[in-house]
C-alpha atoms as a PDB file:
ATOM      1  CA  MET A   1     -23.030   6.464  14.004  1.00  0.00           C
ATOM      2  CA  GLY A   2     -25.961   4.146  13.658  1.00  0.00           C
ATOM      3  CA  ALA A   3     -24.105   1.507  11.663  1.00  0.00           C
ATOM      4  CA  GLU A   4     -25.116  -2.069  12.194  1.00  0.00           C
ATOM      5  CA  TYR A   5     -21.512  -3.375  12.199  1.00  0.00           C
ATOM      6  CA  LEU A   6     -18.947  -1.644  14.388  1.00  0.00           C
ATOM      7  CA  ALA A   7     -15.271  -1.672  15.203  1.00  0.00           C
ATOM      8  CA  LEU A   8     -14.563   0.127  18.474  1.00  0.00           C
ATOM      9  CA  PRO A   9     -10.948  -0.004  19.620  1.00  0.00           C
ATOM     10  CA  ARG A  10      -9.741   0.862  23.072  1.00  0.00           C
ATOM     11  CA  GLU A  11      -7.458   3.893  23.336  1.00  0.00           C
ATOM     12  CA  LEU A  12      -4.977   4.028  20.474  1.00  0.00           C
ATOM     13  CA  THR A  13      -1.461   5.345  19.926  1.00  0.00           C
ATOM     14  CA  ALA A  14      -0.458   7.430  16.901  1.00  0.00           C
ATOM     15  CA  PRO A  15       1.242   4.421  15.208  1.00  0.00           C
ATOM     16  CA  GLN A  16      -1.916   2.337  15.685  1.00  0.00           C
ATOM     17  CA  VAL A  17      -4.010   5.093  14.117  1.00  0.00           C
ATOM     18  CA  GLU A  18      -1.666   5.132  11.128  1.00  0.00           C
ATOM     19  CA  GLN A  19      -2.119   1.371  10.736  1.00  0.00           C
ATOM     20  CA  LEU A  20      -5.910   1.616  11.033  1.00  0.00           C
ATOM     21  CA  THR A  21      -6.250   4.436   8.549  1.00  0.00           C
ATOM     22  CA  GLY A  22      -3.447   3.529   6.136  1.00  0.00           C
ATOM     23  CA  ALA A  23      -5.725   1.915   3.550  1.00  0.00           C
ATOM     24  CA  LEU A  24      -8.575   4.418   3.996  1.00  0.00           C
ATOM     25  CA  HIS A  25      -9.215   7.749   2.278  1.00  0.00           C
ATOM     26  CA  ARG A  26      -9.258  10.870   4.436  1.00  0.00           C
ATOM     27  CA  VAL A  27     -12.333  13.075   4.027  1.00  0.00           C
ATOM     28  CA  PRO A  28     -11.620  16.822   4.264  1.00  0.00           C
ATOM     29  CA  LEU A  29     -14.270  17.868   6.787  1.00  0.00           C
ATOM     30  CA  ARG A  30     -14.135  20.372   9.601  1.00  0.00           C
ATOM     31  CA  PRO A  31     -13.679  18.935  13.119  1.00  0.00           C
ATOM     32  CA  PHE A  32     -16.767  17.177  14.430  1.00  0.00           C
ATOM     33  CA  TRP A  33     -15.909  18.099  18.036  1.00  0.00           C
ATOM     34  CA  PRO A  34     -13.924  21.369  18.284  1.00  0.00           C
ATOM     35  CA  TRP A  35     -12.305  20.375  21.608  1.00  0.00           C
ATOM     36  CA  ALA A  36     -11.016  17.097  20.130  1.00  0.00           C
ATOM     37  CA  PRO A  37      -9.909  17.484  16.510  1.00  0.00           C
ATOM     38  CA  THR A  38     -11.568  14.739  14.498  1.00  0.00           C
ATOM     39  CA  ARG A  39     -10.514  13.219  11.201  1.00  0.00           C
ATOM     40  CA  PHE A  40     -12.850  11.178   9.023  1.00  0.00           C
ATOM     41  CA  TYR A  41     -11.814   8.290   6.770  1.00  0.00           C
ATOM     42  CA  VAL A  42     -13.764   6.151   4.322  1.00  0.00           C
ATOM     43  CA  ALA A  43     -13.512   3.011   2.243  1.00  0.00           C
ATOM     44  CA  PRO A  44     -16.236   1.133   0.355  1.00  0.00           C
ATOM     45  CA  GLY A  45     -18.965   0.418   2.907  1.00  0.00           C
ATOM     46  CA  LEU A  46     -16.934   1.855   5.824  1.00  0.00           C
ATOM     47  CA  VAL A  47     -16.621   5.165   7.649  1.00  0.00           C
ATOM     48  CA  MET A  48     -14.226   5.868  10.528  1.00  0.00           C
ATOM     49  CA  HIS A  49     -13.586   8.850  12.720  1.00  0.00           C
ATOM     50  CA  VAL A  50     -10.488   9.380  14.822  1.00  0.00           C
ATOM     51  CA  SER A  51     -10.121  12.049  17.482  1.00  0.00           C
ATOM     52  CA  SER A  52      -7.662  13.118  20.151  1.00  0.00           C
ATOM     53  CA  GLU A  53      -7.787  15.786  22.804  1.00  0.00           C
ATOM     54  CA  ASP A  54      -4.023  15.793  23.464  1.00  0.00           C
ATOM     55  CA  GLY A  55      -2.464  14.385  20.274  1.00  0.00           C
ATOM     56  CA  GLU A  56      -1.082  11.362  22.127  1.00  0.00           C
ATOM     57  CA  ALA A  57      -4.081   9.182  22.985  1.00  0.00           C
ATOM     58  CA  PHE A  58      -6.609   8.591  20.218  1.00  0.00           C
ATOM     59  CA  HIS A  59     -10.185   7.354  20.083  1.00  0.00           C
ATOM     60  CA  ALA A  60     -11.730   5.809  17.000  1.00  0.00           C
ATOM     61  CA  TRP A  61     -15.066   4.514  15.813  1.00  0.00           C
ATOM     62  CA  ALA A  62     -15.718   2.598  12.611  1.00  0.00           C
ATOM     63  CA  GLY A  63     -19.100   1.721  11.196  1.00  0.00           C
ATOM     64  CA  ALA A  64     -19.825  -0.517   8.239  1.00  0.00           C
ATOM     65  CA  THR A  65     -22.753  -1.415   6.033  1.00  0.00           C
ATOM     66  CA  HIS A  66     -21.642  -5.058   5.999  1.00  0.00           C
ATOM     67  CA  ARG A  67     -19.371  -7.192   8.189  1.00  0.00           C
ATOM     68  CA  SER A  68     -16.933  -7.795   5.343  1.00  0.00           C
ATOM     69  CA  ALA A  69     -16.075  -4.077   5.175  1.00  0.00           C
ATOM     70  CA  LEU A  70     -14.374  -4.479   8.577  1.00  0.00           C
ATOM     71  CA  ASN A  71     -12.223  -7.441   7.470  1.00  0.00           C
ATOM     72  CA  PRO A  72      -9.131  -5.341   6.623  1.00  0.00           C
ATOM     73  CA  LEU A  73      -9.027  -4.160  10.248  1.00  0.00           C
ATOM     74  CA  ALA A  74      -9.212  -7.620  11.810  1.00  0.00           C
ATOM     75  CA  ASP A  75      -5.519  -8.500  11.739  1.00  0.00           C
ATOM     76  CA  LEU A  76      -4.211  -5.200  13.054  1.00  0.00           C
ATOM     77  CA  PRO A  77      -2.552  -5.147  16.509  1.00  0.00           C
ATOM     78  CA  VAL A  78      -5.427  -3.336  18.218  1.00  0.00           C
ATOM     79  CA  ASP A  79      -7.278  -4.159  21.431  1.00  0.00           C
ATOM     80  CA  TRP A  80     -10.977  -4.012  20.504  1.00  0.00           C
ATOM     81  CA  ASN A  81     -13.884  -3.115  22.803  1.00  0.00           C
ATOM     82  CA  ARG A  82     -16.154  -4.397  20.053  1.00  0.00           C
ATOM     83  CA  PHE A  83     -15.419  -5.840  16.638  1.00  0.00           C
ATOM     84  CA  ASP A  84     -18.271  -7.098  14.445  1.00  0.00           C
ATOM     85  CA  GLY A  85     -16.112  -8.130  11.475  1.00  0.00           C
END
């Protein structure tokens, strides 16, 4: 969570989450926050977590070791709070 380069989308829908995570690999970890099931995804130089309290609205955070690791996310139809790619 201390990554130098971030991608922080506003609230997401389930189809948007599928688009964001489609090219990433899911990591089989237990939920980070028990009250909001969290899934973790990775790609070279990138880690992302996605959580939802109700299964309808999703929150995500992506951190990267280099700006270029965020490039695959740039063209997705997502409203970003912050995007360092």
